[in-house]
N, C-alpha and C. Protein backbone atom coordinates (compact mmCIF):
# COMPACT_ATOMS: atom_id res chain seq x y z
N UNK A 1 160.29 36.56 156.86
CA UNK A 1 159.74 35.33 156.31
C UNK A 1 160.66 34.17 156.70
N UNK A 2 160.09 33.16 157.32
CA UNK A 2 160.88 32.01 157.77
C UNK A 2 161.13 31.07 156.60
N UNK A 3 162.31 30.50 156.56
CA UNK A 3 162.64 29.54 155.52
C UNK A 3 162.05 28.18 155.87
N UNK A 4 161.53 27.51 154.86
CA UNK A 4 161.01 26.17 155.07
C UNK A 4 162.17 25.19 155.08
N UNK A 5 162.11 24.22 155.95
CA UNK A 5 163.14 23.19 155.97
C UNK A 5 162.56 21.90 155.43
N UNK A 6 163.39 21.17 154.73
CA UNK A 6 162.97 19.90 154.16
C UNK A 6 163.19 18.81 155.19
N UNK A 7 162.12 18.09 155.54
CA UNK A 7 162.19 17.03 156.53
C UNK A 7 162.59 15.70 155.88
N UNK A 8 162.39 15.57 154.57
CA UNK A 8 162.70 14.33 153.88
C UNK A 8 164.20 14.19 153.69
N UNK A 9 164.60 12.98 153.40
CA UNK A 9 166.02 12.73 153.09
C UNK A 9 166.38 13.48 151.82
N UNK A 10 167.65 13.83 151.71
CA UNK A 10 168.14 14.51 150.52
C UNK A 10 169.42 13.83 150.04
N UNK A 11 169.60 13.85 148.72
CA UNK A 11 170.83 13.34 148.11
C UNK A 11 171.20 14.25 146.95
N UNK A 12 172.44 14.16 146.53
CA UNK A 12 172.87 14.92 145.35
C UNK A 12 172.62 14.07 144.10
N UNK A 13 172.58 14.72 142.98
CA UNK A 13 172.39 13.99 141.74
C UNK A 13 173.57 13.05 141.49
N UNK A 14 174.74 13.41 142.01
CA UNK A 14 175.90 12.53 141.90
C UNK A 14 175.68 11.23 142.66
N UNK A 15 175.02 11.33 143.83
CA UNK A 15 174.69 10.12 144.61
C UNK A 15 173.75 9.22 143.82
N UNK A 16 172.81 9.83 143.13
CA UNK A 16 171.87 9.05 142.33
C UNK A 16 172.60 8.34 141.20
N UNK A 17 173.51 9.06 140.56
CA UNK A 17 174.28 8.46 139.47
C UNK A 17 175.13 7.30 139.97
N UNK A 18 175.70 7.46 141.18
CA UNK A 18 176.55 6.43 141.75
C UNK A 18 175.77 5.17 142.12
N UNK A 19 174.63 5.38 142.78
CA UNK A 19 173.87 4.22 143.24
C UNK A 19 172.39 4.56 143.41
N UNK A 20 171.64 4.51 142.31
CA UNK A 20 170.21 4.80 142.43
C UNK A 20 169.49 3.82 143.36
N UNK A 21 169.98 2.59 143.44
CA UNK A 21 169.37 1.59 144.32
C UNK A 21 169.43 2.04 145.77
N UNK A 22 170.54 2.66 146.18
CA UNK A 22 170.65 3.16 147.55
C UNK A 22 169.60 4.23 147.84
N UNK A 23 169.34 5.08 146.85
CA UNK A 23 168.35 6.14 147.03
C UNK A 23 166.95 5.53 147.16
N UNK A 24 166.65 4.54 146.33
CA UNK A 24 165.35 3.87 146.45
C UNK A 24 165.21 3.18 147.81
N UNK A 25 166.30 2.60 148.30
CA UNK A 25 166.26 1.97 149.62
C UNK A 25 165.98 3.00 150.70
N UNK A 26 166.61 4.18 150.59
CA UNK A 26 166.35 5.26 151.56
C UNK A 26 164.89 5.69 151.51
N UNK A 27 164.33 5.78 150.31
CA UNK A 27 162.92 6.16 150.17
C UNK A 27 162.02 5.12 150.84
N UNK A 28 162.36 3.85 150.63
CA UNK A 28 161.55 2.78 151.22
C UNK A 28 161.67 2.79 152.73
N UNK A 29 162.89 2.90 153.25
CA UNK A 29 163.11 2.87 154.69
C UNK A 29 162.46 4.05 155.40
N UNK A 30 162.48 5.22 154.77
CA UNK A 30 161.90 6.42 155.40
C UNK A 30 160.42 6.57 155.07
N UNK A 31 159.93 5.70 154.17
CA UNK A 31 158.53 5.76 153.73
C UNK A 31 158.17 7.16 153.23
N UNK A 32 159.11 7.77 152.52
CA UNK A 32 158.91 9.12 151.98
C UNK A 32 159.82 9.30 150.78
N UNK A 33 159.49 10.28 149.98
CA UNK A 33 160.34 10.60 148.82
C UNK A 33 161.68 11.13 149.27
N UNK A 34 162.67 10.95 148.42
CA UNK A 34 164.02 11.47 148.67
C UNK A 34 164.26 12.60 147.67
N UNK A 35 164.53 13.79 148.19
CA UNK A 35 164.78 14.94 147.33
C UNK A 35 166.16 14.82 146.70
N UNK A 36 166.23 15.04 145.39
CA UNK A 36 167.49 14.98 144.66
C UNK A 36 167.88 16.41 144.30
N UNK A 37 169.07 16.81 144.76
CA UNK A 37 169.55 18.16 144.51
C UNK A 37 170.60 18.16 143.40
N UNK A 38 170.55 19.20 142.58
CA UNK A 38 171.56 19.43 141.55
C UNK A 38 171.97 20.89 141.65
N UNK A 39 173.21 21.12 142.03
CA UNK A 39 173.76 22.48 142.19
C UNK A 39 172.92 23.33 143.14
N UNK A 40 172.52 22.72 144.25
CA UNK A 40 171.79 23.46 145.28
C UNK A 40 170.31 23.62 145.04
N UNK A 41 169.80 23.16 143.93
CA UNK A 41 168.38 23.25 143.61
C UNK A 41 167.76 21.86 143.60
N UNK A 42 166.49 21.77 143.99
CA UNK A 42 165.81 20.48 143.92
C UNK A 42 165.57 20.14 142.45
N UNK A 43 166.14 19.02 142.02
CA UNK A 43 165.99 18.57 140.64
C UNK A 43 164.79 17.62 140.51
N UNK A 44 164.45 16.95 141.60
CA UNK A 44 163.35 16.01 141.57
C UNK A 44 163.23 15.27 142.89
N UNK A 45 162.30 14.34 142.89
CA UNK A 45 162.05 13.52 144.08
C UNK A 45 162.00 12.07 143.63
N UNK A 46 162.73 11.21 144.31
CA UNK A 46 162.71 9.78 143.98
C UNK A 46 161.83 9.04 144.96
N UNK A 47 160.95 8.20 144.40
CA UNK A 47 160.04 7.37 145.17
C UNK A 47 160.19 5.93 144.72
N UNK A 48 159.81 5.02 145.59
CA UNK A 48 159.74 3.63 145.15
C UNK A 48 158.51 3.47 144.27
N UNK A 49 158.46 2.38 143.55
CA UNK A 49 157.30 2.12 142.69
C UNK A 49 156.03 2.05 143.52
N UNK A 50 156.11 1.44 144.68
CA UNK A 50 154.95 1.31 145.55
C UNK A 50 154.48 2.68 146.05
N UNK A 51 155.42 3.55 146.41
CA UNK A 51 155.06 4.90 146.85
C UNK A 51 154.39 5.67 145.72
N UNK A 52 154.95 5.58 144.53
CA UNK A 52 154.40 6.27 143.37
C UNK A 52 152.99 5.77 143.06
N UNK A 53 152.81 4.45 143.04
CA UNK A 53 151.49 3.88 142.77
C UNK A 53 150.49 4.27 143.86
N UNK A 54 150.94 4.29 145.11
CA UNK A 54 150.07 4.69 146.20
C UNK A 54 149.60 6.13 146.07
N UNK A 55 150.52 7.01 145.68
CA UNK A 55 150.14 8.41 145.49
C UNK A 55 149.15 8.55 144.34
N UNK A 56 149.39 7.83 143.25
CA UNK A 56 148.47 7.88 142.11
C UNK A 56 147.09 7.37 142.50
N UNK A 57 147.04 6.30 143.29
CA UNK A 57 145.76 5.76 143.74
C UNK A 57 145.04 6.78 144.62
N UNK A 58 145.80 7.41 145.51
CA UNK A 58 145.20 8.40 146.40
C UNK A 58 144.63 9.58 145.60
N UNK A 59 145.36 10.02 144.60
CA UNK A 59 144.88 11.11 143.74
C UNK A 59 143.61 10.69 143.01
N UNK A 60 143.58 9.47 142.50
CA UNK A 60 142.38 8.96 141.81
C UNK A 60 141.17 8.95 142.74
N UNK A 61 141.37 8.48 143.96
CA UNK A 61 140.28 8.43 144.94
C UNK A 61 139.79 9.85 145.25
N UNK A 62 140.72 10.77 145.41
CA UNK A 62 140.33 12.15 145.72
C UNK A 62 139.58 12.80 144.56
N UNK A 63 140.03 12.55 143.32
CA UNK A 63 139.31 13.08 142.16
C UNK A 63 137.89 12.51 142.11
N UNK A 64 137.74 11.23 142.41
CA UNK A 64 136.42 10.60 142.42
C UNK A 64 135.53 11.25 143.49
N UNK A 65 136.09 11.52 144.64
CA UNK A 65 135.32 12.18 145.71
C UNK A 65 134.90 13.58 145.30
N UNK A 66 135.78 14.29 144.61
CA UNK A 66 135.43 15.63 144.12
C UNK A 66 134.26 15.56 143.15
N UNK A 67 134.31 14.60 142.23
CA UNK A 67 133.23 14.43 141.26
C UNK A 67 131.91 14.12 141.98
N UNK A 68 131.96 13.23 142.96
CA UNK A 68 130.76 12.89 143.71
C UNK A 68 130.21 14.10 144.47
N UNK A 69 131.09 14.90 145.06
CA UNK A 69 130.65 16.08 145.79
C UNK A 69 130.06 17.12 144.86
N UNK A 70 130.66 17.29 143.68
CA UNK A 70 130.11 18.23 142.70
C UNK A 70 128.72 17.79 142.26
N UNK A 71 128.54 16.48 142.03
CA UNK A 71 127.24 15.96 141.62
C UNK A 71 126.22 16.17 142.74
N UNK A 72 126.60 15.90 143.98
CA UNK A 72 125.69 16.08 145.11
C UNK A 72 125.30 17.55 145.25
N UNK A 73 126.25 18.43 145.04
CA UNK A 73 125.97 19.87 145.13
C UNK A 73 124.98 20.29 144.05
N UNK A 74 125.16 19.79 142.84
CA UNK A 74 124.23 20.12 141.75
C UNK A 74 122.83 19.61 142.06
N UNK A 75 122.73 18.43 142.67
CA UNK A 75 121.43 17.86 142.99
C UNK A 75 120.70 18.64 144.08
N UNK A 76 121.44 19.34 144.93
CA UNK A 76 120.84 20.11 146.01
C UNK A 76 120.27 21.45 145.54
N UNK A 77 120.67 21.89 144.36
CA UNK A 77 120.19 23.18 143.86
C UNK A 77 118.70 23.09 143.52
N UNK A 78 118.00 24.15 143.80
CA UNK A 78 116.58 24.20 143.47
C UNK A 78 116.42 24.62 142.02
N UNK A 79 115.26 24.29 141.48
CA UNK A 79 114.91 24.68 140.12
C UNK A 79 115.88 24.14 139.08
N UNK A 80 116.39 22.95 139.32
CA UNK A 80 117.28 22.31 138.35
C UNK A 80 116.43 21.63 137.30
N UNK A 81 116.70 21.92 136.05
CA UNK A 81 115.96 21.29 134.97
C UNK A 81 116.48 19.87 134.80
N UNK A 82 115.55 18.92 134.83
CA UNK A 82 115.93 17.54 134.60
C UNK A 82 115.37 17.09 133.26
N UNK A 83 116.01 16.12 132.65
CA UNK A 83 115.60 15.61 131.35
C UNK A 83 115.21 14.15 131.47
N UNK A 84 114.27 13.73 130.65
CA UNK A 84 113.89 12.32 130.62
C UNK A 84 114.90 11.55 129.78
N UNK A 85 114.84 10.24 129.90
CA UNK A 85 115.70 9.38 129.08
C UNK A 85 115.46 9.64 127.60
N UNK A 86 114.21 9.82 127.23
CA UNK A 86 113.84 10.07 125.84
C UNK A 86 114.44 11.39 125.36
N UNK A 87 114.42 12.41 126.21
CA UNK A 87 114.98 13.71 125.83
C UNK A 87 116.51 13.62 125.65
N UNK A 88 117.14 12.78 126.44
CA UNK A 88 118.60 12.67 126.36
C UNK A 88 119.03 11.79 125.20
N UNK A 89 118.44 10.58 125.10
CA UNK A 89 118.90 9.61 124.10
C UNK A 89 118.07 9.57 122.83
N UNK A 90 116.95 10.23 122.84
CA UNK A 90 116.11 10.23 121.65
C UNK A 90 115.35 8.92 121.51
N UNK A 91 114.98 8.58 120.27
CA UNK A 91 114.13 7.42 119.98
C UNK A 91 114.75 6.11 120.44
N UNK A 92 116.05 6.03 120.50
CA UNK A 92 116.70 4.78 120.93
C UNK A 92 116.30 4.40 122.35
N UNK A 93 115.88 5.40 123.16
CA UNK A 93 115.47 5.13 124.53
C UNK A 93 114.23 4.25 124.59
N UNK A 94 113.44 4.24 123.53
CA UNK A 94 112.21 3.44 123.51
C UNK A 94 112.43 2.04 122.94
N UNK A 95 113.61 1.80 122.38
CA UNK A 95 113.89 0.49 121.80
C UNK A 95 114.31 -0.50 122.89
N UNK A 96 113.95 -1.76 122.67
CA UNK A 96 114.34 -2.80 123.61
C UNK A 96 115.84 -3.08 123.43
N UNK A 97 116.61 -3.07 124.50
CA UNK A 97 118.06 -3.31 124.35
C UNK A 97 118.33 -4.75 123.90
N UNK A 98 119.39 -4.88 123.09
CA UNK A 98 119.81 -6.20 122.63
C UNK A 98 120.98 -6.62 123.50
N UNK A 99 120.85 -7.79 124.13
CA UNK A 99 121.91 -8.28 125.02
C UNK A 99 122.67 -9.37 124.29
N UNK A 100 123.97 -9.12 124.13
CA UNK A 100 124.86 -10.09 123.49
C UNK A 100 125.53 -10.89 124.59
N UNK A 101 125.15 -12.14 124.72
CA UNK A 101 125.71 -13.02 125.78
C UNK A 101 127.19 -13.30 125.60
N UNK A 102 127.74 -13.05 124.41
CA UNK A 102 129.13 -13.35 124.12
C UNK A 102 129.99 -12.09 123.99
N UNK A 103 129.55 -11.01 124.61
CA UNK A 103 130.31 -9.77 124.45
C UNK A 103 131.49 -9.65 125.42
N UNK A 104 131.66 -10.65 126.32
CA UNK A 104 132.80 -10.64 127.22
C UNK A 104 132.56 -9.94 128.54
N UNK A 105 131.38 -9.34 128.74
CA UNK A 105 131.10 -8.61 129.97
C UNK A 105 130.55 -9.49 131.08
N UNK A 106 129.97 -10.60 130.72
CA UNK A 106 129.37 -11.46 131.74
C UNK A 106 130.40 -12.42 132.30
């Protein structure tokens, strides 16, 4: 079994304690997370705020795509029972909606 090598920058936890700003600068310059080691083990990964937010945005987009694909797959199935608005919402479905012009949505 071949050992995996880490391509990202690495620092010790002592380096982080000494100068966390330097580690963030390394993350920014390399456009990748910096692995933080403590006693030979990976203790964590340091990212810039922008990198962290970018990863979170990417995860959100991917989750949304998964939801869309699951919905599309369900719609492709044959013999799927569908419900009317009345069956789902009951009698309220037949009532005229009340629009509040001052609700802050417009």
